PDB file of N, CA and C in Angstrom:
ATOM      1  N   MET A   1      -3.430   6.247  -5.897  1.00  0.00           N
ATOM      2  CA  MET A   1      -4.825   6.084  -6.212  1.00  0.00           C
ATOM      3  C   MET A   1      -5.056   4.616  -6.554  1.00  0.00           C
ATOM      4  N   ASN A   2      -6.129   4.057  -6.005  1.00  0.00           N
ATOM      5  CA  ASN A   2      -6.412   2.650  -6.268  1.00  0.00           C
ATOM      6  C   ASN A   2      -7.712   2.496  -7.059  1.00  0.00           C
ATOM      7  N   THR A   3      -8.057   1.261  -7.361  1.00  0.00           N
ATOM      8  CA  THR A   3      -9.217   0.967  -8.201  1.00  0.00           C
ATOM      9  C   THR A   3     -10.515   1.429  -7.559  1.00  0.00           C
ATOM     10  N   THR A   4     -10.633   1.312  -6.270  1.00  0.00           N
ATOM     11  CA  THR A   4     -11.849   1.721  -5.577  1.00  0.00           C
ATOM     12  C   THR A   4     -12.094   3.219  -5.740  1.00  0.00           C
ATOM     13  N   GLN A   5     -11.035   3.996  -5.633  1.00  0.00           N
ATOM     14  CA  GLN A   5     -11.168   5.446  -5.808  1.00  0.00           C
ATOM     15  C   GLN A   5     -11.561   5.791  -7.237  1.00  0.00           C
ATOM     16  N   LEU A   6     -10.988   5.096  -8.198  1.00  0.00           N
ATOM     17  CA  LEU A   6     -11.336   5.349  -9.595  1.00  0.00           C
ATOM     18  C   LEU A   6     -12.786   4.983  -9.883  1.00  0.00           C
ATOM     19  N   GLU A   7     -13.254   3.883  -9.325  1.00  0.00           N
ATOM     20  CA  GLU A   7     -14.638   3.458  -9.554  1.00  0.00           C
ATOM     21  C   GLU A   7     -15.642   4.426  -8.956  1.00  0.00           C
ATOM     22  N   SER A   8     -15.252   5.156  -7.913  1.00  0.00           N
ATOM     23  CA  SER A   8     -16.178   6.094  -7.273  1.00  0.00           C
ATOM     24  C   SER A   8     -16.243   7.442  -7.994  1.00  0.00           C
ATOM     25  N   MET A   9     -15.358   7.680  -8.968  1.00  0.00           N
ATOM     26  CA  MET A   9     -15.342   8.955  -9.684  1.00  0.00           C
ATOM     27  C   MET A   9     -16.375   8.945 -10.805  1.00  0.00           C
ATOM     28  N   ASN A  10     -16.967  10.124 -11.056  1.00  0.00           N
ATOM     29  CA  ASN A  10     -17.914  10.216 -12.162  1.00  0.00           C
ATOM     30  C   ASN A  10     -17.144  10.430 -13.469  1.00  0.00           C
ATOM     31  N   LEU A  11     -17.878  10.451 -14.568  1.00  0.00           N
ATOM     32  CA  LEU A  11     -17.266  10.510 -15.892  1.00  0.00           C
ATOM     33  C   LEU A  11     -16.447  11.789 -16.096  1.00  0.00           C
ATOM     34  N   ASN A  12     -16.944  12.917 -15.651  1.00  0.00           N
ATOM     35  CA  ASN A  12     -16.212  14.180 -15.812  1.00  0.00           C
ATOM     36  C   ASN A  12     -14.906  14.180 -15.024  1.00  0.00           C
ATOM     37  N   GLU A  13     -14.938  13.626 -13.816  1.00  0.00           N
ATOM     38  CA  GLU A  13     -13.721  13.552 -13.006  1.00  0.00           C
ATOM     39  C   GLU A  13     -12.687  12.636 -13.661  1.00  0.00           C
ATOM     40  N   LEU A  14     -13.149  11.535 -14.242  1.00  0.00           N
ATOM     41  CA  LEU A  14     -12.238  10.621 -14.929  1.00  0.00           C
ATOM     42  C   LEU A  14     -11.622  11.283 -16.155  1.00  0.00           C
ATOM     43  N   ARG A  15     -12.405  12.068 -16.888  1.00  0.00           N
ATOM     44  CA  ARG A  15     -11.881  12.774 -18.057  1.00  0.00           C
ATOM     45  C   ARG A  15     -10.841  13.804 -17.651  1.00  0.00           C
ATOM     46  N   GLU A  16     -11.097  14.526 -16.547  1.00  0.00           N
ATOM     47  CA  GLU A  16     -10.127  15.509 -16.056  1.00  0.00           C
ATOM     48  C   GLU A  16      -8.840  14.816 -15.633  1.00  0.00           C
ATOM     49  N   LEU A  17      -8.966  13.659 -14.983  1.00  0.00           N
ATOM     50  CA  LEU A  17      -7.794  12.895 -14.566  1.00  0.00           C
ATOM     51  C   LEU A  17      -7.002  12.424 -15.781  1.00  0.00           C
ATOM     52  N   ARG A  18      -7.700  11.935 -16.807  1.00  0.00           N
ATOM     53  CA  ARG A  18      -7.024  11.489 -18.030  1.00  0.00           C
ATOM     54  C   ARG A  18      -6.286  12.645 -18.687  1.00  0.00           C
ATOM     55  N   GLN A  19      -6.915  13.823 -18.731  1.00  0.00           N
ATOM     56  CA  GLN A  19      -6.267  14.988 -19.341  1.00  0.00           C
ATOM     57  C   GLN A  19      -5.013  15.374 -18.556  1.00  0.00           C
ATOM     58  N   LEU A  20      -5.094  15.341 -17.245  1.00  0.00           N
ATOM     59  CA  LEU A  20      -3.939  15.668 -16.405  1.00  0.00           C
ATOM     60  C   LEU A  20      -2.798  14.670 -16.634  1.00  0.00           C
ATOM     61  N   ILE A  21      -3.140  13.388 -16.716  1.00  0.00           N
ATOM     62  CA  ILE A  21      -2.128  12.355 -16.951  1.00  0.00           C
ATOM     63  C   ILE A  21      -1.477  12.548 -18.317  1.00  0.00           C
ATOM     64  N   ASN A  22      -2.279  12.809 -19.352  1.00  0.00           N
ATOM     65  CA  ASN A  22      -1.733  13.017 -20.696  1.00  0.00           C
ATOM     66  C   ASN A  22      -0.808  14.228 -20.744  1.00  0.00           C
ATOM     67  N   GLU A  23      -1.151  15.294 -20.035  1.00  0.00           N
ATOM     68  CA  GLU A  23      -0.287  16.476 -19.992  1.00  0.00           C
ATOM     69  C   GLU A  23       1.036  16.158 -19.315  1.00  0.00           C
ATOM     70  N   MET A  24       0.989  15.401 -18.231  1.00  0.00           N
ATOM     71  CA  MET A  24       2.212  15.044 -17.517  1.00  0.00           C
ATOM     72  C   MET A  24       3.105  14.153 -18.373  1.00  0.00           C
ATOM     73  N   ILE A  25       2.514  13.202 -19.090  1.00  0.00           N
ATOM     74  CA  ILE A  25       3.283  12.339 -19.975  1.00  0.00           C
ATOM     75  C   ILE A  25       3.929  13.165 -21.068  1.00  0.00           C
ATOM     76  N   GLY A  26       3.177  14.081 -21.648  1.00  0.00           N
ATOM     77  CA  GLY A  26       3.707  14.944 -22.698  1.00  0.00           C
ATOM     78  C   GLY A  26       4.889  15.772 -22.230  1.00  0.00           C
ATOM     79  N   GLU A  27       4.801  16.307 -21.023  1.00  0.00           N
ATOM     80  CA  GLU A  27       5.899  17.103 -20.475  1.00  0.00           C
ATOM     81  C   GLU A  27       7.149  16.254 -20.268  1.00  0.00           C
ATOM     82  N   ARG A  28       6.965  15.050 -19.754  1.00  0.00           N
ATOM     83  CA  ARG A  28       8.127  14.186 -19.495  1.00  0.00           C
ATOM     84  C   ARG A  28       8.780  13.732 -20.789  1.00  0.00           C
ATOM     85  N   VAL A  29       7.984  13.431 -21.807  1.00  0.00           N
ATOM     86  CA  VAL A  29       8.547  13.038 -23.104  1.00  0.00           C
ATOM     87  C   VAL A  29       9.298  14.213 -23.714  1.00  0.00           C
ATOM     88  N   ALA A  30       8.730  15.410 -23.606  1.00  0.00           N
ATOM     89  CA  ALA A  30       9.394  16.596 -24.149  1.00  0.00           C
ATOM     90  C   ALA A  30      10.715  16.860 -23.424  1.00  0.00           C
ATOM     91  N   ASP A  31      10.733  16.678 -22.111  1.00  0.00           N
ATOM     92  CA  ASP A  31      11.974  16.860 -21.351  1.00  0.00           C
ATOM     93  C   ASP A  31      13.036  15.847 -21.780  1.00  0.00           C
ATOM     94  N   ARG A  32      12.618  14.595 -21.947  1.00  0.00           N
ATOM     95  CA  ARG A  32      13.556  13.556 -22.375  1.00  0.00           C
ATOM     96  C   ARG A  32      14.076  13.838 -23.776  1.00  0.00           C
ATOM     97  N   ARG A  33      13.183  14.255 -24.675  1.00  0.00           N
ATOM     98  CA  ARG A  33      13.577  14.574 -26.048  1.00  0.00           C
ATOM     99  C   ARG A  33      14.587  15.713 -26.059  1.00  0.00           C
ATOM    100  N   HIS A  34      14.346  16.741 -25.247  1.00  0.00           N
ATOM    101  CA  HIS A  34      15.267  17.884 -25.185  1.00  0.00           C
ATOM    102  C   HIS A  34      16.628  17.448 -24.644  1.00  0.00           C
ATOM    103  N   GLU A  35      16.606  16.598 -23.637  1.00  0.00           N
ATOM    104  CA  GLU A  35      17.859  16.126 -23.037  1.00  0.00           C
ATOM    105  C   GLU A  35      18.687  15.350 -24.054  1.00  0.00           C
ATOM    106  N   ILE A  36      18.043  14.465 -24.800  1.00  0.00           N
ATOM    107  CA  ILE A  36      18.764  13.669 -25.803  1.00  0.00           C
ATOM    108  C   ILE A  36      19.235  14.569 -26.946  1.00  0.00           C
ATOM    109  N   ARG A  37      18.345  15.452 -27.414  1.00  0.00           N
ATOM    110  CA  ARG A  37      18.671  16.321 -28.551  1.00  0.00           C
ATOM    111  C   ARG A  37      19.852  17.229 -28.232  1.00  0.00           C
ATOM    112  N   SER A  38      19.936  17.724 -27.014  1.00  0.00           N
ATOM    113  CA  SER A  38      21.042  18.616 -26.664  1.00  0.00           C
ATOM    114  C   SER A  38      22.385  17.878 -26.643  1.00  0.00           C
ATOM    115  N   GLY A  39      22.354  16.541 -26.493  1.00  0.00           N
ATOM    116  CA  GLY A  39      23.584  15.768 -26.485  1.00  0.00           C
ATOM    117  C   GLY A  39      23.993  15.245 -27.856  1.00  0.00           C
ATOM    118  N   LEU A  40      23.130  15.429 -28.865  1.00  0.00           N
ATOM    119  CA  LEU A  40      23.446  14.926 -30.209  1.00  0.00           C
ATOM    120  C   LEU A  40      24.181  15.969 -31.026  1.00  0.00           C
ATOM    121  N   GLN A  41      25.134  15.494 -31.821  1.00  0.00           N
ATOM    122  CA  GLN A  41      25.871  16.368 -32.728  1.00  0.00           C
ATOM    123  C   GLN A  41      25.968  15.684 -34.079  1.00  0.00           C
ATOM    124  N   VAL A  42      26.018  16.481 -35.121  1.00  0.00           N
ATOM    125  CA  VAL A  42      26.177  15.948 -36.468  1.00  0.00           C
ATOM    126  C   VAL A  42      27.510  15.199 -36.544  1.00  0.00           C
ATOM    127  N   HIS A  43      27.525  14.080 -37.236  1.00  0.00           N
ATOM    128  CA  HIS A  43      28.671  13.181 -37.415  1.00  0.00           C
ATOM    129  C   HIS A  43      28.967  12.323 -36.189  1.00  0.00           C
ATOM    130  N   GLN A  44      28.099  12.361 -35.195  1.00  0.00           N
ATOM    131  CA  GLN A  44      28.268  11.527 -34.005  1.00  0.00           C
ATOM    132  C   GLN A  44      27.770  10.110 -34.302  1.00  0.00           C
ATOM    133  N   THR A  45      28.429   9.096 -33.750  1.00  0.00           N
ATOM    134  CA  THR A  45      28.009   7.715 -33.905  1.00  0.00           C
ATOM    135  C   THR A  45      27.028   7.366 -32.790  1.00  0.00           C
ATOM    136  N   VAL A  46      25.886   6.780 -33.174  1.00  0.00           N
ATOM    137  CA  VAL A  46      24.837   6.439 -32.218  1.00  0.00           C
ATOM    138  C   VAL A  46      24.275   5.054 -32.538  1.00  0.00           C
ATOM    139  N   THR A  47      23.473   4.540 -31.615  1.00  0.00           N
ATOM    140  CA  THR A  47      22.689   3.333 -31.857  1.00  0.00           C
ATOM    141  C   THR A  47      21.225   3.701 -31.692  1.00  0.00           C
ATOM    142  N   VAL A  48      20.341   2.799 -32.134  1.00  0.00           N
ATOM    143  CA  VAL A  48      18.907   3.039 -32.034  1.00  0.00           C
ATOM    144  C   VAL A  48      18.286   1.907 -31.229  1.00  0.00           C
ATOM    145  N   ASP A  49      17.471   2.263 -30.249  1.00  0.00           N
ATOM    146  CA  ASP A  49      16.819   1.293 -29.378  1.00  0.00           C
ATOM    147  C   ASP A  49      15.551   0.768 -30.064  1.00  0.00           C
ATOM    148  N   HIS A  50      15.745  -0.167 -31.001  1.00  0.00           N
ATOM    149  CA  HIS A  50      14.629  -0.759 -31.734  1.00  0.00           C
ATOM    150  C   HIS A  50      15.039  -2.168 -32.151  1.00  0.00           C
ATOM    151  N   PRO A  51      14.111  -3.138 -32.085  1.00  0.00           N
ATOM    152  CA  PRO A  51      14.462  -4.524 -32.419  1.00  0.00           C
ATOM    153  C   PRO A  51      15.038  -4.716 -33.827  1.00  0.00           C
ATOM    154  N   LYS A  52      14.621  -3.910 -34.779  1.00  0.00           N
ATOM    155  CA  LYS A  52      15.113  -4.078 -36.151  1.00  0.00           C
ATOM    156  C   LYS A  52      16.541  -3.558 -36.341  1.00  0.00           C
ATOM    157  N   THR A  53      17.060  -2.814 -35.379  1.00  0.00           N
ATOM    158  CA  THR A  53      18.382  -2.206 -35.547  1.00  0.00           C
ATOM    159  C   THR A  53      19.400  -2.717 -34.528  1.00  0.00           C
ATOM    160  N   VAL A  54      19.167  -3.882 -33.967  1.00  0.00           N
ATOM    161  CA  VAL A  54      20.083  -4.436 -32.960  1.00  0.00           C
ATOM    162  C   VAL A  54      21.461  -4.622 -33.582  1.00  0.00           C
ATOM    163  N   GLY A  55      22.473  -4.086 -32.922  1.00  0.00           N
ATOM    164  CA  GLY A  55      23.850  -4.227 -33.374  1.00  0.00           C
ATOM    165  C   GLY A  55      24.260  -3.271 -34.476  1.00  0.00           C
ATOM    166  N   MET A  56      23.364  -2.414 -34.938  1.00  0.00           N
ATOM    167  CA  MET A  56      23.699  -1.479 -36.016  1.00  0.00           C
ATOM    168  C   MET A  56      24.181  -0.151 -35.439  1.00  0.00           C
ATOM    169  N   GLU A  57      25.105   0.473 -36.133  1.00  0.00           N
ATOM    170  CA  GLU A  57      25.587   1.801 -35.759  1.00  0.00           C
ATOM    171  C   GLU A  57      25.150   2.789 -36.831  1.00  0.00           C
ATOM    172  N   PHE A  58      24.895   4.012 -36.391  1.00  0.00           N
ATOM    173  CA  PHE A  58      24.440   5.057 -37.294  1.00  0.00           C
ATOM    174  C   PHE A  58      25.258   6.322 -37.066  1.00  0.00           C
ATOM    175  N   ILE A  59      25.289   7.169 -38.072  1.00  0.00           N
ATOM    176  CA  ILE A  59      25.928   8.471 -37.959  1.00  0.00           C
ATOM    177  C   ILE A  59      24.844   9.525 -38.105  1.00  0.00           C
ATOM    178  N   VAL A  60      24.841  10.495 -37.206  1.00  0.00           N
ATOM    179  CA  VAL A  60      23.842  11.564 -37.222  1.00  0.00           C
ATOM    180  C   VAL A  60      24.159  12.506 -38.378  1.00  0.00           C
ATOM    181  N   GLU A  61      23.179  12.715 -39.250  1.00  0.00           N
ATOM    182  CA  GLU A  61      23.340  13.654 -40.363  1.00  0.00           C
ATOM    183  C   GLU A  61      22.659  14.982 -40.092  1.00  0.00           C
ATOM    184  N   LYS A  62      21.495  14.936 -39.410  1.00  0.00           N
ATOM    185  CA  LYS A  62      20.759  16.162 -39.127  1.00  0.00           C
ATOM    186  C   LYS A  62      19.865  15.920 -37.922  1.00  0.00           C
ATOM    187  N   VAL A  63      19.744  16.918 -37.044  1.00  0.00           N
ATOM    188  CA  VAL A  63      18.898  16.817 -35.867  1.00  0.00           C
ATOM    189  C   VAL A  63      17.763  17.828 -36.011  1.00  0.00           C
ATOM    190  N   ASN A  64      16.544  17.314 -36.055  1.00  0.00           N
ATOM    191  CA  ASN A  64      15.359  18.161 -36.113  1.00  0.00           C
ATOM    192  C   ASN A  64      14.707  18.227 -34.736  1.00  0.00           C
ATOM    193  N   ARG A  65      13.539  18.840 -34.664  1.00  0.00           N
ATOM    194  CA  ARG A  65      12.862  19.026 -33.385  1.00  0.00           C
ATOM    195  C   ARG A  65      12.468  17.703 -32.735  1.00  0.00           C
ATOM    196  N   LYS A  66      11.829  16.800 -33.491  1.00  0.00           N
ATOM    197  CA  LYS A  66      11.364  15.534 -32.934  1.00  0.00           C
ATOM    198  C   LYS A  66      12.098  14.314 -33.494  1.00  0.00           C
ATOM    199  N   ASN A  67      12.703  14.458 -34.655  1.00  0.00           N
ATOM    200  CA  ASN A  67      13.371  13.337 -35.313  1.00  0.00           C
ATOM    201  C   ASN A  67      14.797  13.716 -35.685  1.00  0.00           C
ATOM    202  N   ALA A  68      15.569  12.700 -36.001  1.00  0.00           N
ATOM    203  CA  ALA A  68      16.922  12.921 -36.495  1.00  0.00           C
ATOM    204  C   ALA A  68      17.114  12.068 -37.733  1.00  0.00           C
ATOM    205  N   LYS A  69      17.897  12.571 -38.659  1.00  0.00           N
ATOM    206  CA  LYS A  69      18.229  11.819 -39.865  1.00  0.00           C
ATOM    207  C   LYS A  69      19.551  11.111 -39.602  1.00  0.00           C
ATOM    208  N   LEU A  70      19.506   9.778 -39.716  1.00  0.00           N
ATOM    209  CA  LEU A  70      20.674   8.959 -39.438  1.00  0.00           C
ATOM    210  C   LEU A  70      21.061   8.186 -40.693  1.00  0.00           C
ATOM    211  N   ARG A  71      22.350   7.881 -40.805  1.00  0.00           N
ATOM    212  CA  ARG A  71      22.853   7.071 -41.907  1.00  0.00           C
ATOM    213  C   ARG A  71      23.529   5.842 -41.314  1.00  0.00           C
ATOM    214  N   SER A  72      23.183   4.669 -41.821  1.00  0.00           N
ATOM    215  CA  SER A  72      23.771   3.427 -41.355  1.00  0.00           C
ATOM    216  C   SER A  72      25.248   3.373 -41.736  1.00  0.00           C
ATOM    217  N   VAL A  73      26.093   2.996 -40.786  1.00  0.00           N
ATOM    218  CA  VAL A  73      27.522   2.882 -41.053  1.00  0.00           C
ATOM    219  C   VAL A  73      27.773   1.735 -42.026  1.00  0.00           C
ATOM    220  N   ALA A  74      27.056   0.624 -41.860  1.00  0.00           N
ATOM    221  CA  ALA A  74      27.297  -0.578 -42.665  1.00  0.00           C
ATOM    222  C   ALA A  74      26.756  -0.459 -44.091  1.00  0.00           C
ATOM    223  N   THR A  75      25.527   0.018 -44.237  1.00  0.00           N
ATOM    224  CA  THR A  75      24.883   0.004 -45.553  1.00  0.00           C
ATOM    225  C   THR A  75      24.802   1.360 -46.227  1.00  0.00           C
ATOM    226  N   GLY A  76      24.911   2.422 -45.474  1.00  0.00           N
ATOM    227  CA  GLY A  76      24.788   3.759 -46.032  1.00  0.00           C
ATOM    228  C   GLY A  76      23.348   4.218 -46.200  1.00  0.00           C
ATOM    229  N   ARG A  77      22.381   3.353 -45.842  1.00  0.00           N
ATOM    230  CA  ARG A  77      20.973   3.732 -45.926  1.00  0.00           C
ATOM    231  C   ARG A  77      20.648   4.822 -44.924  1.00  0.00           C
ATOM    232  N   ARG A  78      19.714   5.686 -45.298  1.00  0.00           N
ATOM    233  CA  ARG A  78      19.306   6.789 -44.425  1.00  0.00           C
ATOM    234  C   ARG A  78      17.990   6.456 -43.742  1.00  0.00           C
ATOM    235  N   TYR A  79      17.880   6.865 -42.477  1.00  0.00           N
ATOM    236  CA  TYR A  79      16.694   6.617 -41.673  1.00  0.00           C
ATOM    237  C   TYR A  79      16.277   7.905 -40.984  1.00  0.00           C
ATOM    238  N   ASN A  80      14.972   8.079 -40.825  1.00  0.00           N
ATOM    239  CA  ASN A  80      14.412   9.175 -40.056  1.00  0.00           C
ATOM    240  C   ASN A  80      13.916   8.564 -38.744  1.00  0.00           C
ATOM    241  N   VAL A  81      14.569   8.885 -37.624  1.00  0.00           N
ATOM    242  CA  VAL A  81      14.327   8.198 -36.361  1.00  0.00           C
ATOM    243  C   VAL A  81      13.895   9.196 -35.287  1.00  0.00           C
ATOM    244  N   SER A  82      12.929   8.784 -34.466  1.00  0.00           N
ATOM    245  CA  SER A  82      12.507   9.602 -33.333  1.00  0.00           C
ATOM    246  C   SER A  82      13.683   9.779 -32.373  1.00  0.00           C
ATOM    247  N   ILE A  83      13.855  10.978 -31.877  1.00  0.00           N
ATOM    248  CA  ILE A  83      14.982  11.285 -30.993  1.00  0.00           C
ATOM    249  C   ILE A  83      14.940  10.449 -29.715  1.00  0.00           C
ATOM    250  N   THR A  84      13.744  10.083 -29.262  1.00  0.00           N
ATOM    251  CA  THR A  84      13.646   9.322 -28.025  1.00  0.00           C
ATOM    252  C   THR A  84      14.190   7.905 -28.168  1.00  0.00           C
ATOM    253  N   LEU A  85      14.391   7.416 -29.401  1.00  0.00           N
ATOM    254  CA  LEU A  85      14.937   6.078 -29.615  1.00  0.00           C
ATOM    255  C   LEU A  85      16.455   6.076 -29.772  1.00  0.00           C
ATOM    256  N   ILE A  86      17.054   7.237 -29.895  1.00  0.00           N
ATOM    257  CA  ILE A  86      18.495   7.334 -30.166  1.00  0.00           C
ATOM    258  C   ILE A  86      19.283   7.257 -28.872  1.00  0.00           C
ATOM    259  N   GLN A  87      20.360   6.461 -28.923  1.00  0.00           N
ATOM    260  CA  GLN A  87      21.258   6.332 -27.776  1.00  0.00           C
ATOM    261  C   GLN A  87      22.682   6.640 -28.214  1.00  0.00           C
ATOM    262  N   PRO A  88      23.268   7.728 -27.718  1.00  0.00           N
ATOM    263  CA  PRO A  88      24.655   8.046 -28.073  1.00  0.00           C
ATOM    264  C   PRO A  88      25.595   6.947 -27.596  1.00  0.00           C
ATOM    265  N   LYS A  89      26.657   6.732 -28.371  1.00  0.00           N
ATOM    266  CA  LYS A  89      27.656   5.719 -27.983  1.00  0.00           C
ATOM    267  C   LYS A  89      28.685   6.305 -27.067  1.00  0.00           C
TER     268      LYS A  89
END
């Protein structure tokens, strides 16, 4: 779909398209979250894909539906992290 096609759509059609896109994004995020969550285990060493945690290692303490509780190996601090940011080592 290109810009010309989008410009020719009325407001209701654009809203329906936005809703369809949001549903598809939600499904893909849920699939990715499930894939990562099924590979996580308590006491597993992981990293987090975030600029503030570059080079840090964490240990999984608990895996919830959308987040996981991690403990820093270096400092012992606990973090609540979205599962989509976790990368198993």
